[in-house]
Every structure is written in C-alpha cells, then in structure tokens.
Amino acid sequence: MAGITTIYMPLLNEGTAVWRPVTAARINHEAFQVLGPMPDDEEWAFAPGSVVAVAPHLFVDGRSGFVAVAISP
C-alpha cells in the first residue's frame, strides 16, 4: 500500500491553527513518513523523516484531508 501523497502538517507558533500541505510516503493504512524539506521560516509539529499517524480533518473551506497528529507507534 506504499505511495506518495499529500498530508497536512500542523505549523507551530503561528498564533492560530495553520496546516501546510506536505509530501509523505504511505507506509501502511495508518502511518506516513514525512518527506522534506521543511522551509527555514516554518516550525512543523513533526520533522521531515518522522513517521506519523494521521486523522481525517475537514477544513474551514470545505476541503478534507489527513492531518499529522502523532508519531506513529
């Protein structure tokens, strides 16, 4: 079930909830490896190379996607 896809990364220290679309490699149906690079002027919740668990999220504009929520066990 491997493949490259887009997930949404929470940005830290933005003052409000902000998500950056990032490229990730699907490891299995529950885990994705975050691919980089991370821009110098951003602080991601999980660094490139991290394997993360995701959760579905409905954004304010009506789009939906998977948001990185934790390091995958």
PDB file of N, CA and C in Angstrom:
ATOM      1  N   MET A   1       0.827  -1.193   0.000  1.00  0.00           N
ATOM      2  CA  MET A   1       0.000   0.000   0.000  1.00  0.00           C
ATOM      3  C   MET A   1       0.874   1.261   0.000  1.00  0.00           C
ATOM      4  N   ALA A   2       2.115   1.146  -0.396  1.00  0.00           N
ATOM      5  CA  ALA A   2       3.022   2.299  -0.401  1.00  0.00           C
ATOM      6  C   ALA A   2       2.663   3.244  -1.535  1.00  0.00           C
ATOM      7  N   GLY A   3       3.012   4.500  -1.352  1.00  0.00           N
ATOM      8  CA  GLY A   3       2.783   5.516  -2.364  1.00  0.00           C
ATOM      9  C   GLY A   3       3.068   6.886  -1.798  1.00  0.00           C
ATOM     10  N   ILE A   4       3.210   7.845  -2.682  1.00  0.00           N
ATOM     11  CA  ILE A   4       3.468   9.229  -2.282  1.00  0.00           C
ATOM     12  C   ILE A   4       2.144   9.980  -2.326  1.00  0.00           C
ATOM     13  N   THR A   5       1.880  10.764  -1.297  1.00  0.00           N
ATOM     14  CA  THR A   5       0.632  11.512  -1.199  1.00  0.00           C
ATOM     15  C   THR A   5       0.874  12.818  -0.460  1.00  0.00           C
ATOM     16  N   THR A   6      -0.177  13.598  -0.295  1.00  0.00           N
ATOM     17  CA  THR A   6      -0.115  14.844   0.466  1.00  0.00           C
ATOM     18  C   THR A   6      -0.877  14.666   1.765  1.00  0.00           C
ATOM     19  N   ILE A   7      -0.228  15.049   2.869  1.00  0.00           N
ATOM     20  CA  ILE A   7      -0.894  15.151   4.153  1.00  0.00           C
ATOM     21  C   ILE A   7      -0.717  16.592   4.621  1.00  0.00           C
ATOM     22  N   TYR A   8      -1.371  16.948   5.692  1.00  0.00           N
ATOM     23  CA  TYR A   8      -1.307  18.325   6.190  1.00  0.00           C
ATOM     24  C   TYR A   8      -0.588  18.349   7.529  1.00  0.00           C
ATOM     25  N   MET A   9       0.427  19.208   7.609  1.00  0.00           N
ATOM     26  CA  MET A   9       1.284  19.325   8.780  1.00  0.00           C
ATOM     27  C   MET A   9       0.876  20.530   9.612  1.00  0.00           C
ATOM     28  N   PRO A  10       0.598  20.333  10.901  1.00  0.00           N
ATOM     29  CA  PRO A  10       0.342  21.491  11.759  1.00  0.00           C
ATOM     30  C   PRO A  10       1.615  22.335  11.903  1.00  0.00           C
ATOM     31  N   LEU A  11       1.459  23.641  11.769  1.00  0.00           N
ATOM     32  CA  LEU A  11       2.580  24.548  11.990  1.00  0.00           C
ATOM     33  C   LEU A  11       2.508  25.063  13.417  1.00  0.00           C
ATOM     34  N   LEU A  12       3.656  25.178  14.052  1.00  0.00           N
ATOM     35  CA  LEU A  12       3.738  25.645  15.435  1.00  0.00           C
ATOM     36  C   LEU A  12       4.026  27.133  15.480  1.00  0.00           C
ATOM     37  N   ASN A  13       3.624  27.766  16.556  1.00  0.00           N
ATOM     38  CA  ASN A  13       3.924  29.177  16.835  1.00  0.00           C
ATOM     39  C   ASN A  13       3.392  30.134  15.774  1.00  0.00           C
ATOM     40  N   GLU A  14       2.203  29.851  15.261  1.00  0.00           N
ATOM     41  CA  GLU A  14       1.588  30.704  14.243  1.00  0.00           C
ATOM     42  C   GLU A  14       0.516  31.625  14.827  1.00  0.00           C
ATOM     43  N   GLY A  15       0.102  31.382  16.062  1.00  0.00           N
ATOM     44  CA  GLY A  15      -0.930  32.214  16.676  1.00  0.00           C
ATOM     45  C   GLY A  15      -2.347  31.752  16.374  1.00  0.00           C
ATOM     46  N   THR A  16      -2.504  30.891  15.408  1.00  0.00           N
ATOM     47  CA  THR A  16      -3.791  30.308  15.044  1.00  0.00           C
ATOM     48  C   THR A  16      -3.505  28.956  14.393  1.00  0.00           C
ATOM     49  N   ALA A  17      -4.530  28.150  14.194  1.00  0.00           N
ATOM     50  CA  ALA A  17      -4.332  26.839  13.577  1.00  0.00           C
ATOM     51  C   ALA A  17      -3.981  27.006  12.105  1.00  0.00           C
ATOM     52  N   VAL A  18      -2.817  26.480  11.724  1.00  0.00           N
ATOM     53  CA  VAL A  18      -2.342  26.566  10.339  1.00  0.00           C
ATOM     54  C   VAL A  18      -1.786  25.199   9.955  1.00  0.00           C
ATOM     55  N   TRP A  19      -2.128  24.734   8.744  1.00  0.00           N
ATOM     56  CA  TRP A  19      -1.628  23.468   8.231  1.00  0.00           C
ATOM     57  C   TRP A  19      -0.936  23.700   6.899  1.00  0.00           C
ATOM     58  N   ARG A  20       0.202  23.057   6.707  1.00  0.00           N
ATOM     59  CA  ARG A  20       0.971  23.126   5.470  1.00  0.00           C
ATOM     60  C   ARG A  20       0.806  21.798   4.742  1.00  0.00           C
ATOM     61  N   PRO A  21       0.426  21.811   3.461  1.00  0.00           N
ATOM     62  CA  PRO A  21       0.428  20.552   2.712  1.00  0.00           C
ATOM     63  C   PRO A  21       1.874  20.087   2.526  1.00  0.00           C
ATOM     64  N   VAL A  22       2.141  18.833   2.867  1.00  0.00           N
ATOM     65  CA  VAL A  22       3.486  18.278   2.725  1.00  0.00           C
ATOM     66  C   VAL A  22       3.401  16.932   2.027  1.00  0.00           C
ATOM     67  N   THR A  23       4.479  16.556   1.401  1.00  0.00           N
ATOM     68  CA  THR A  23       4.565  15.269   0.729  1.00  0.00           C
ATOM     69  C   THR A  23       4.933  14.207   1.761  1.00  0.00           C
ATOM     70  N   ALA A  24       4.277  13.060   1.665  1.00  0.00           N
ATOM     71  CA  ALA A  24       4.542  11.964   2.589  1.00  0.00           C
ATOM     72  C   ALA A  24       4.463  10.640   1.842  1.00  0.00           C
ATOM     73  N   ALA A  25       5.239   9.687   2.330  1.00  0.00           N
ATOM     74  CA  ALA A  25       5.214   8.330   1.776  1.00  0.00           C
ATOM     75  C   ALA A  25       4.340   7.472   2.669  1.00  0.00           C
ATOM     76  N   ARG A  26       3.333   6.852   2.079  1.00  0.00           N
ATOM     77  CA  ARG A  26       2.444   5.963   2.844  1.00  0.00           C
ATOM     78  C   ARG A  26       3.209   4.688   3.173  1.00  0.00           C
ATOM     79  N   ILE A  27       3.273   4.374   4.456  1.00  0.00           N
ATOM     80  CA  ILE A  27       3.923   3.145   4.904  1.00  0.00           C
ATOM     81  C   ILE A  27       2.890   2.035   5.019  1.00  0.00           C
ATOM     82  N   ASN A  28       1.754   2.364   5.604  1.00  0.00           N
ATOM     83  CA  ASN A  28       0.609   1.452   5.665  1.00  0.00           C
ATOM     84  C   ASN A  28      -0.640   2.314   5.819  1.00  0.00           C
ATOM     85  N   HIS A  29      -1.790   1.705   6.094  1.00  0.00           N
ATOM     86  CA  HIS A  29      -3.028   2.486   6.149  1.00  0.00           C
ATOM     87  C   HIS A  29      -3.087   3.443   7.327  1.00  0.00           C
ATOM     88  N   GLU A  30      -2.148   3.331   8.293  1.00  0.00           N
ATOM     89  CA  GLU A  30      -2.171   4.184   9.476  1.00  0.00           C
ATOM     90  C   GLU A  30      -0.938   5.073   9.623  1.00  0.00           C
ATOM     91  N   ALA A  31       0.108   4.863   8.823  1.00  0.00           N
ATOM     92  CA  ALA A  31       1.367   5.575   9.038  1.00  0.00           C
ATOM     93  C   ALA A  31       1.925   6.143   7.739  1.00  0.00           C
ATOM     94  N   PHE A  32       2.492   7.343   7.863  1.00  0.00           N
ATOM     95  CA  PHE A  32       3.103   8.037   6.736  1.00  0.00           C
ATOM     96  C   PHE A  32       4.461   8.573   7.174  1.00  0.00           C
ATOM     97  N   GLN A  33       5.446   8.520   6.269  1.00  0.00           N
ATOM     98  CA  GLN A  33       6.738   9.143   6.552  1.00  0.00           C
ATOM     99  C   GLN A  33       6.751  10.516   5.903  1.00  0.00           C
ATOM    100  N   VAL A  34       7.004  11.540   6.728  1.00  0.00           N
ATOM    101  CA  VAL A  34       7.031  12.922   6.259  1.00  0.00           C
ATOM    102  C   VAL A  34       8.286  13.128   5.425  1.00  0.00           C
ATOM    103  N   LEU A  35       8.109  13.668   4.225  1.00  0.00           N
ATOM    104  CA  LEU A  35       9.234  13.977   3.352  1.00  0.00           C
ATOM    105  C   LEU A  35       9.513  15.473   3.435  1.00  0.00           C
ATOM    106  N   GLY A  36      10.698  15.886   3.190  1.00  0.00           N
ATOM    107  CA  GLY A  36      11.081  17.297   3.353  1.00  0.00           C
ATOM    108  C   GLY A  36      11.243  17.967   2.017  1.00  0.00           C
ATOM    109  N   PRO A  37      11.845  19.096   2.054  1.00  0.00           N
ATOM    110  CA  PRO A  37      12.434  19.767   3.213  1.00  0.00           C
ATOM    111  C   PRO A  37      11.423  20.690   3.899  1.00  0.00           C
ATOM    112  N   MET A  38      11.734  21.036   5.149  1.00  0.00           N
ATOM    113  CA  MET A  38      10.927  21.995   5.894  1.00  0.00           C
ATOM    114  C   MET A  38      11.492  23.386   5.621  1.00  0.00           C
ATOM    115  N   PRO A  39      10.668  24.348   5.198  1.00  0.00           N
ATOM    116  CA  PRO A  39      11.170  25.709   4.961  1.00  0.00           C
ATOM    117  C   PRO A  39      11.811  26.289   6.225  1.00  0.00           C
ATOM    118  N   ASP A  40      12.850  27.090   6.051  1.00  0.00           N
ATOM    119  CA  ASP A  40      13.580  27.680   7.176  1.00  0.00           C
ATOM    120  C   ASP A  40      12.700  28.544   8.068  1.00  0.00           C
ATOM    121  N   ASP A  41      11.653  29.145   7.508  1.00  0.00           N
ATOM    122  CA  ASP A  41      10.826  30.070   8.281  1.00  0.00           C
ATOM    123  C   ASP A  41       9.579  29.409   8.883  1.00  0.00           C
ATOM    124  N   GLU A  42       9.535  28.062   8.893  1.00  0.00           N
ATOM    125  CA  GLU A  42       8.408  27.343   9.471  1.00  0.00           C
ATOM    126  C   GLU A  42       8.892  26.374  10.543  1.00  0.00           C
ATOM    127  N   GLU A  43       8.002  26.091  11.492  1.00  0.00           N
ATOM    128  CA  GLU A  43       8.267  25.080  12.509  1.00  0.00           C
ATOM    129  C   GLU A  43       7.137  24.057  12.433  1.00  0.00           C
ATOM    130  N   TRP A  44       7.463  22.885  11.916  1.00  0.00           N
ATOM    131  CA  TRP A  44       6.476  21.830  11.769  1.00  0.00           C
ATOM    132  C   TRP A  44       6.320  21.074  13.078  1.00  0.00           C
ATOM    133  N   ALA A  45       5.144  20.512  13.316  1.00  0.00           N
ATOM    134  CA  ALA A  45       4.903  19.707  14.505  1.00  0.00           C
ATOM    135  C   ALA A  45       5.749  18.437  14.490  1.00  0.00           C
ATOM    136  N   PHE A  46       6.064  17.927  13.291  1.00  0.00           N
ATOM    137  CA  PHE A  46       6.853  16.710  13.137  1.00  0.00           C
ATOM    138  C   PHE A  46       7.875  16.934  12.029  1.00  0.00           C
ATOM    139  N   ALA A  47       9.119  16.637  12.301  1.00  0.00           N
ATOM    140  CA  ALA A  47      10.217  16.904  11.369  1.00  0.00           C
ATOM    141  C   ALA A  47      10.179  15.967  10.163  1.00  0.00           C
ATOM    142  N   PRO A  48      10.768  16.413   9.038  1.00  0.00           N
ATOM    143  CA  PRO A  48      10.921  15.510   7.902  1.00  0.00           C
ATOM    144  C   PRO A  48      11.640  14.229   8.349  1.00  0.00           C
ATOM    145  N   GLY A  49      11.176  13.109   7.831  1.00  0.00           N
ATOM    146  CA  GLY A  49      11.720  11.817   8.215  1.00  0.00           C
ATOM    147  C   GLY A  49      10.897  11.124   9.294  1.00  0.00           C
ATOM    148  N   SER A  50      10.083  11.889  10.021  1.00  0.00           N
ATOM    149  CA  SER A  50       9.233  11.309  11.065  1.00  0.00           C
ATOM    150  C   SER A  50       8.169  10.418  10.439  1.00  0.00           C
ATOM    151  N   VAL A  51       7.817   9.354  11.152  1.00  0.00           N
ATOM    152  CA  VAL A  51       6.696   8.509  10.754  1.00  0.00           C
ATOM    153  C   VAL A  51       5.535   8.911  11.648  1.00  0.00           C
ATOM    154  N   VAL A  52       4.459   9.363  11.020  1.00  0.00           N
ATOM    155  CA  VAL A  52       3.338   9.929  11.766  1.00  0.00           C
ATOM    156  C   VAL A  52       2.037   9.179  11.520  1.00  0.00           C
ATOM    157  N   ALA A  53       1.180   9.263  12.533  1.00  0.00           N
ATOM    158  CA  ALA A  53      -0.206   8.826  12.388  1.00  0.00           C
ATOM    159  C   ALA A  53      -1.006  10.037  11.929  1.00  0.00           C
ATOM    160  N   VAL A  54      -2.064   9.794  11.200  1.00  0.00           N
ATOM    161  CA  VAL A  54      -2.888  10.884  10.681  1.00  0.00           C
ATOM    162  C   VAL A  54      -4.344  10.687  11.103  1.00  0.00           C
ATOM    163  N   ALA A  55      -5.091  11.783  11.020  1.00  0.00           N
ATOM    164  CA  ALA A  55      -6.533  11.742  11.285  1.00  0.00           C
ATOM    165  C   ALA A  55      -7.231  12.562  10.214  1.00  0.00           C
ATOM    166  N   PRO A  56      -8.437  12.169   9.812  1.00  0.00           N
ATOM    167  CA  PRO A  56      -9.176  12.966   8.832  1.00  0.00           C
ATOM    168  C   PRO A  56      -9.549  14.316   9.435  1.00  0.00           C
ATOM    169  N   HIS A  57      -9.555  15.338   8.580  1.00  0.00           N
ATOM    170  CA  HIS A  57      -9.871  16.693   9.044  1.00  0.00           C
ATOM    171  C   HIS A  57     -10.679  17.407   7.970  1.00  0.00           C
ATOM    172  N   LEU A  58     -11.710  18.127   8.384  1.00  0.00           N
ATOM    173  CA  LEU A  58     -12.497  18.959   7.484  1.00  0.00           C
ATOM    174  C   LEU A  58     -12.062  20.406   7.708  1.00  0.00           C
ATOM    175  N   PHE A  59     -11.504  21.029   6.686  1.00  0.00           N
ATOM    176  CA  PHE A  59     -11.021  22.395   6.785  1.00  0.00           C
ATOM    177  C   PHE A  59     -12.174  23.382   6.613  1.00  0.00           C
ATOM    178  N   VAL A  60     -11.966  24.612   7.054  1.00  0.00           N
ATOM    179  CA  VAL A  60     -12.992  25.656   7.032  1.00  0.00           C
ATOM    180  C   VAL A  60     -13.553  25.872   5.626  1.00  0.00           C
ATOM    181  N   ASP A  61     -12.701  25.728   4.609  1.00  0.00           N
ATOM    182  CA  ASP A  61     -13.154  25.975   3.236  1.00  0.00           C
ATOM    183  C   ASP A  61     -13.902  24.790   2.625  1.00  0.00           C
ATOM    184  N   GLY A  62     -14.137  23.736   3.432  1.00  0.00           N
ATOM    185  CA  GLY A  62     -14.888  22.591   2.952  1.00  0.00           C
ATOM    186  C   GLY A  62     -14.036  21.447   2.428  1.00  0.00           C
ATOM    187  N   ARG A  63     -12.737  21.692   2.229  1.00  0.00           N
ATOM    188  CA  ARG A  63     -11.860  20.608   1.786  1.00  0.00           C
ATOM    189  C   ARG A  63     -11.624  19.648   2.942  1.00  0.00           C
ATOM    190  N   SER A  64     -11.280  18.418   2.620  1.00  0.00           N
ATOM    191  CA  SER A  64     -10.907  17.456   3.647  1.00  0.00           C
ATOM    192  C   SER A  64      -9.552  16.875   3.309  1.00  0.00           C
ATOM    193  N   GLY A  65      -8.884  16.390   4.325  1.00  0.00           N
ATOM    194  CA  GLY A  65      -7.575  15.775   4.133  1.00  0.00           C
ATOM    195  C   GLY A  65      -7.127  15.103   5.412  1.00  0.00           C
ATOM    196  N   PHE A  66      -5.962  14.532   5.382  1.00  0.00           N
ATOM    197  CA  PHE A  66      -5.396  13.871   6.543  1.00  0.00           C
ATOM    198  C   PHE A  66      -4.363  14.791   7.184  1.00  0.00           C
ATOM    199  N   VAL A  67      -4.496  14.983   8.507  1.00  0.00           N
ATOM    200  CA  VAL A  67      -3.612  15.845   9.283  1.00  0.00           C
ATOM    201  C   VAL A  67      -2.726  14.963  10.157  1.00  0.00           C
ATOM    202  N   ALA A  68      -1.417  15.275  10.183  1.00  0.00           N
ATOM    203  CA  ALA A  68      -0.488  14.573  11.063  1.00  0.00           C
ATOM    204  C   ALA A  68      -0.845  14.900  12.511  1.00  0.00           C
ATOM    205  N   VAL A  69      -1.017  13.863  13.352  1.00  0.00           N
ATOM    206  CA  VAL A  69      -1.462  14.099  14.728  1.00  0.00           C
ATOM    207  C   VAL A  69      -0.507  13.552  15.789  1.00  0.00           C
ATOM    208  N   ALA A  70       0.339  12.590  15.443  1.00  0.00           N
ATOM    209  CA  ALA A  70       1.216  11.977  16.440  1.00  0.00           C
ATOM    210  C   ALA A  70       2.304  11.177  15.743  1.00  0.00           C
ATOM    211  N   ILE A  71       3.367  10.912  16.482  1.00  0.00           N
ATOM    212  CA  ILE A  71       4.379   9.970  15.995  1.00  0.00           C
ATOM    213  C   ILE A  71       3.723   8.590  15.988  1.00  0.00           C
ATOM    214  N   SER A  72       3.905   7.868  14.906  1.00  0.00           N
ATOM    215  CA  SER A  72       3.285   6.554  14.772  1.00  0.00           C
ATOM    216  C   SER A  72       4.016   5.540  15.651  1.00  0.00           C
ATOM    217  N   PRO A  73       3.253   4.697  16.334  1.00  0.00           N
ATOM    218  CA  PRO A  73       3.894   3.664  17.183  1.00  0.00           C
ATOM    219  C   PRO A  73       4.582   2.605  16.346  1.00  0.00           C
TER     220      PRO A  73
END
